[in-house]
């Protein structure tokens, strides 16, 4: 039995193209793998740990080999718990909307919480940075209102897909499959409906071999 962690990064419910595509993928996955478990982390959940001044100070004390204060130790314990919770999964689905050419702020905060030294990456002068989340596949589903792919003329404005793929590689993922859902707005409602139908069909097909 495997556990899939679905990190969901859109707060608009069933209106969300990324969420609907991810749910179609997971529905097909459950049908093909009924013994597996799917767990969802909504990155907009206010119960997720913060990453502010105290957490940042704790992180840099680790990087420089310095001890934590009591407040920093408590804050870091919550960060470690979230990072280790992420690491426990066997497979991953990350679905994200594009906001202002990048990712939603809540997803960036979640990444800032889980991408931590000693948890999801390590560093040594001899080896440099090394990802610690290895040997696991991730399905990345990104939706955006416009078109940003090759030949669109807007490639340079895409700070969503390249960033997410880069940070996933940084923490150790090598099996990254990306499904792009676009355009969901700029070409009008008929084109958006067609885009969604195509994305859902592709998601269901990919789920069978994930």
Protein backbone atom coordinates (compact mmCIF):
# COMPACT_ATOMS: atom_id res chain seq x y z
CA UNK A 1 0.00 0.00 0.00
CA UNK A 2 1.21 3.47 -0.90
CA UNK A 3 0.26 6.87 0.43
CA UNK A 4 -0.21 9.82 -1.92
CA UNK A 5 0.08 13.33 -0.56
CA UNK A 6 -1.91 15.87 -2.56
CA UNK A 7 -0.72 19.42 -1.89
CA UNK A 8 -3.57 21.60 -3.13
CA UNK A 9 -2.93 25.26 -3.89
CA UNK A 10 -6.14 26.93 -4.96
CA UNK A 11 -8.69 28.44 -2.54
CA UNK A 12 -11.61 28.69 -4.95
CA UNK A 13 -13.04 25.19 -4.59
CA UNK A 14 -14.75 23.49 -7.50
CA UNK A 15 -14.23 26.53 -9.74
CA UNK A 16 -10.51 25.77 -9.77
CA UNK A 17 -9.13 24.18 -12.94
CA UNK A 18 -6.09 22.80 -11.15
CA UNK A 19 -8.24 21.28 -8.42
CA UNK A 20 -10.73 19.69 -10.83
CA UNK A 21 -7.90 18.21 -12.89
CA UNK A 22 -6.16 16.89 -9.79
CA UNK A 23 -9.39 15.36 -8.48
CA UNK A 24 -9.93 13.59 -11.81
CA UNK A 25 -6.38 12.25 -11.59
CA UNK A 26 -6.88 11.04 -8.02
CA UNK A 27 -10.28 9.50 -8.80
CA UNK A 28 -8.70 7.46 -11.60
CA UNK A 29 -5.74 6.61 -9.38
CA UNK A 30 -8.01 5.29 -6.61
CA UNK A 31 -9.86 3.13 -9.13
CA UNK A 32 -6.56 1.64 -10.34
CA UNK A 33 -5.02 1.34 -6.85
CA UNK A 34 -7.88 0.77 -4.39
CA UNK A 35 -5.56 -0.24 -1.54
CA UNK A 36 -3.62 3.03 -1.60
CA UNK A 37 -4.40 6.08 0.53
CA UNK A 38 -4.74 9.67 -0.64
CA UNK A 39 -4.18 12.47 1.84
CA UNK A 40 -4.77 16.13 0.99
CA UNK A 41 -2.89 19.10 2.41
CA UNK A 42 -4.68 22.36 1.67
CA UNK A 43 -1.86 24.91 1.71
CA UNK A 44 -4.39 27.64 2.61
CA UNK A 45 -5.17 25.84 5.89
CA UNK A 46 -4.38 28.35 8.68
CA UNK A 47 -3.38 25.46 10.94
CA UNK A 48 -0.19 24.91 8.94
CA UNK A 49 2.92 26.28 10.65
CA UNK A 50 4.04 29.82 10.03
CA UNK A 51 7.47 30.71 8.76
CA UNK A 52 8.41 34.09 10.16
CA UNK A 53 11.25 35.69 12.07
CA UNK A 54 11.50 33.02 14.77
CA UNK A 55 11.46 30.12 12.32
CA UNK A 56 13.99 31.84 10.06
CA UNK A 57 16.32 32.47 12.99
CA UNK A 58 16.03 28.81 13.99
CA UNK A 59 16.86 27.69 10.44
CA UNK A 60 19.99 29.80 10.21
CA UNK A 61 21.19 28.70 13.63
CA UNK A 62 21.03 25.12 12.32
CA UNK A 63 22.95 26.11 9.19
CA UNK A 64 25.64 27.76 11.35
CA UNK A 65 25.72 25.10 14.04
CA UNK A 66 24.40 27.32 16.81
CA UNK A 67 21.92 26.32 19.57
CA UNK A 68 18.28 27.38 19.58
CA UNK A 69 16.56 29.46 22.19
CA UNK A 70 13.52 27.86 23.83
CA UNK A 71 11.19 29.86 21.58
CA UNK A 72 13.15 28.92 18.46
CA UNK A 73 13.21 25.25 19.46
CA UNK A 74 9.42 25.18 19.83
CA UNK A 75 8.92 26.92 16.48
CA UNK A 76 11.38 24.61 14.76
CA UNK A 77 9.63 21.55 16.18
CA UNK A 78 6.44 22.56 14.31
CA UNK A 79 8.41 23.16 11.11
CA UNK A 80 10.11 19.76 11.38
CA UNK A 81 6.76 18.07 11.97
CA UNK A 82 5.35 19.55 8.76
CA UNK A 83 8.46 18.65 6.75
CA UNK A 84 8.51 15.09 8.08
CA UNK A 85 4.79 14.76 7.41
CA UNK A 86 5.53 15.69 3.80
CA UNK A 87 8.39 13.21 3.58
CA UNK A 88 6.30 10.29 4.83
CA UNK A 89 4.34 10.00 1.59
CA UNK A 90 5.27 7.54 -1.14
CA UNK A 91 3.92 9.55 -4.06
CA UNK A 92 2.92 13.18 -4.55
CA UNK A 93 0.43 15.27 -6.44
CA UNK A 94 0.90 19.04 -6.41
CA UNK A 95 -1.87 21.11 -8.00
CA UNK A 96 -1.43 24.85 -8.27
CA UNK A 97 -3.02 27.89 -9.82
CA UNK A 98 -0.93 30.66 -11.37
CA UNK A 99 -1.20 33.95 -9.51
CA UNK A 100 0.47 37.03 -10.99
CA UNK A 101 2.71 34.82 -13.16
CA UNK A 102 3.90 32.82 -10.13
CA UNK A 103 2.41 30.66 -7.40
CA UNK A 104 -0.11 31.49 -4.65
CA UNK A 105 1.46 32.95 -1.52
CA UNK A 106 0.15 30.08 0.60
CA UNK A 107 2.01 27.54 -1.54
CA UNK A 108 5.20 29.58 -1.26
CA UNK A 109 4.77 29.57 2.53
CA UNK A 110 4.26 25.79 2.52
CA UNK A 111 7.42 25.36 0.45
CA UNK A 112 9.30 27.66 2.84
CA UNK A 113 8.14 25.46 5.72
CA UNK A 114 9.02 22.05 4.25
CA UNK A 115 12.25 22.89 2.40
CA UNK A 116 14.56 22.71 5.40
CA UNK A 117 18.11 21.57 6.19
CA UNK A 118 18.26 18.13 7.70
CA UNK A 119 14.66 17.43 6.65
CA UNK A 120 14.31 17.69 2.88
CA UNK A 121 17.86 18.69 1.92
CA UNK A 122 21.35 18.56 3.34
CA UNK A 123 24.51 20.57 2.80
CA UNK A 124 28.17 19.83 3.23
CA UNK A 125 31.24 21.65 1.87
CA UNK A 126 32.32 18.45 0.16
CA UNK A 127 29.01 17.51 -1.48
CA UNK A 128 27.17 20.82 -1.61
CA UNK A 129 23.38 20.67 -1.50
CA UNK A 130 21.72 17.27 -1.64
CA UNK A 131 17.98 16.52 -1.83
CA UNK A 132 16.66 14.04 0.72
CA UNK A 133 13.24 13.25 -0.81
CA UNK A 134 14.37 10.63 -3.30
CA UNK A 135 12.99 7.71 -5.27
CA UNK A 136 9.44 9.04 -5.28
CA UNK A 137 7.29 10.28 -8.18
CA UNK A 138 5.44 13.59 -8.26
CA UNK A 139 2.61 14.66 -10.53
CA UNK A 140 2.60 18.44 -10.96
CA UNK A 141 -0.64 19.97 -12.23
CA UNK A 142 -0.44 23.67 -13.05
CA UNK A 143 -3.31 25.80 -14.35
CA UNK A 144 -3.08 29.31 -15.74
CA UNK A 145 -5.44 31.76 -17.38
CA UNK A 146 -3.18 32.50 -20.34
CA UNK A 147 -0.79 30.49 -22.48
CA UNK A 148 2.88 30.45 -21.50
CA UNK A 149 4.27 27.44 -23.35
CA UNK A 150 6.87 27.33 -26.08
CA UNK A 151 5.90 29.57 -28.99
CA UNK A 152 3.37 31.56 -26.97
CA UNK A 153 5.56 34.64 -26.73
CA UNK A 154 4.92 34.75 -22.99
CA UNK A 155 7.42 32.11 -21.90
CA UNK A 156 9.49 34.63 -19.93
CA UNK A 157 6.47 35.45 -17.76
CA UNK A 158 6.08 31.90 -16.47
CA UNK A 159 7.43 31.89 -12.92
CA UNK A 160 5.09 29.08 -11.90
CA UNK A 161 6.11 25.85 -13.60
CA UNK A 162 9.89 26.47 -13.73
CA UNK A 163 10.02 27.42 -10.06
CA UNK A 164 8.00 24.43 -8.88
CA UNK A 165 10.01 21.98 -10.97
CA UNK A 166 13.27 23.54 -9.73
CA UNK A 167 12.36 23.39 -6.05
CA UNK A 168 11.16 19.80 -6.41
CA UNK A 169 14.47 18.86 -8.03
CA UNK A 170 16.33 20.68 -5.26
CA UNK A 171 14.79 18.48 -2.56
CA UNK A 172 15.53 15.30 -4.48
CA UNK A 173 12.73 14.55 -6.92
CA UNK A 174 13.83 13.16 -10.28
CA UNK A 175 10.51 11.63 -11.39
CA UNK A 176 8.55 14.80 -12.12
CA UNK A 177 5.66 14.73 -14.57
CA UNK A 178 3.94 18.01 -15.34
CA UNK A 179 0.45 18.51 -16.73
CA UNK A 180 -0.25 22.07 -17.87
CA UNK A 181 -3.86 23.30 -18.00
CA UNK A 182 -4.00 26.41 -20.21
CA UNK A 183 -5.56 28.74 -21.20
CA UNK A 184 -8.35 28.77 -18.66
CA UNK A 185 -9.41 32.39 -19.13
CA UNK A 186 -7.78 34.40 -21.91
CA UNK A 187 -9.33 32.52 -24.84
CA UNK A 188 -12.90 32.60 -23.52
CA UNK A 189 -15.25 30.12 -21.85
CA UNK A 190 -15.57 27.67 -24.75
CA UNK A 191 -11.80 27.32 -25.07
CA UNK A 192 -11.53 26.98 -21.29
CA UNK A 193 -14.08 24.17 -21.23
CA UNK A 194 -12.18 22.38 -23.99
CA UNK A 195 -8.90 22.89 -22.15
CA UNK A 196 -10.36 21.40 -18.97
CA UNK A 197 -11.84 18.40 -20.77
CA UNK A 198 -8.49 17.66 -22.42
CA UNK A 199 -6.63 18.07 -19.14
CA UNK A 200 -9.01 15.75 -17.30
CA UNK A 201 -8.69 13.11 -20.01
CA UNK A 202 -4.90 13.35 -19.86
CA UNK A 203 -4.92 13.22 -16.05
CA UNK A 204 -7.04 10.06 -16.01
CA UNK A 205 -4.72 8.40 -18.51
CA UNK A 206 -1.60 9.31 -16.53
CA UNK A 207 -3.10 8.06 -13.27
CA UNK A 208 -3.06 4.48 -14.46
CA UNK A 209 0.73 4.34 -14.62
CA UNK A 210 1.57 6.62 -11.70
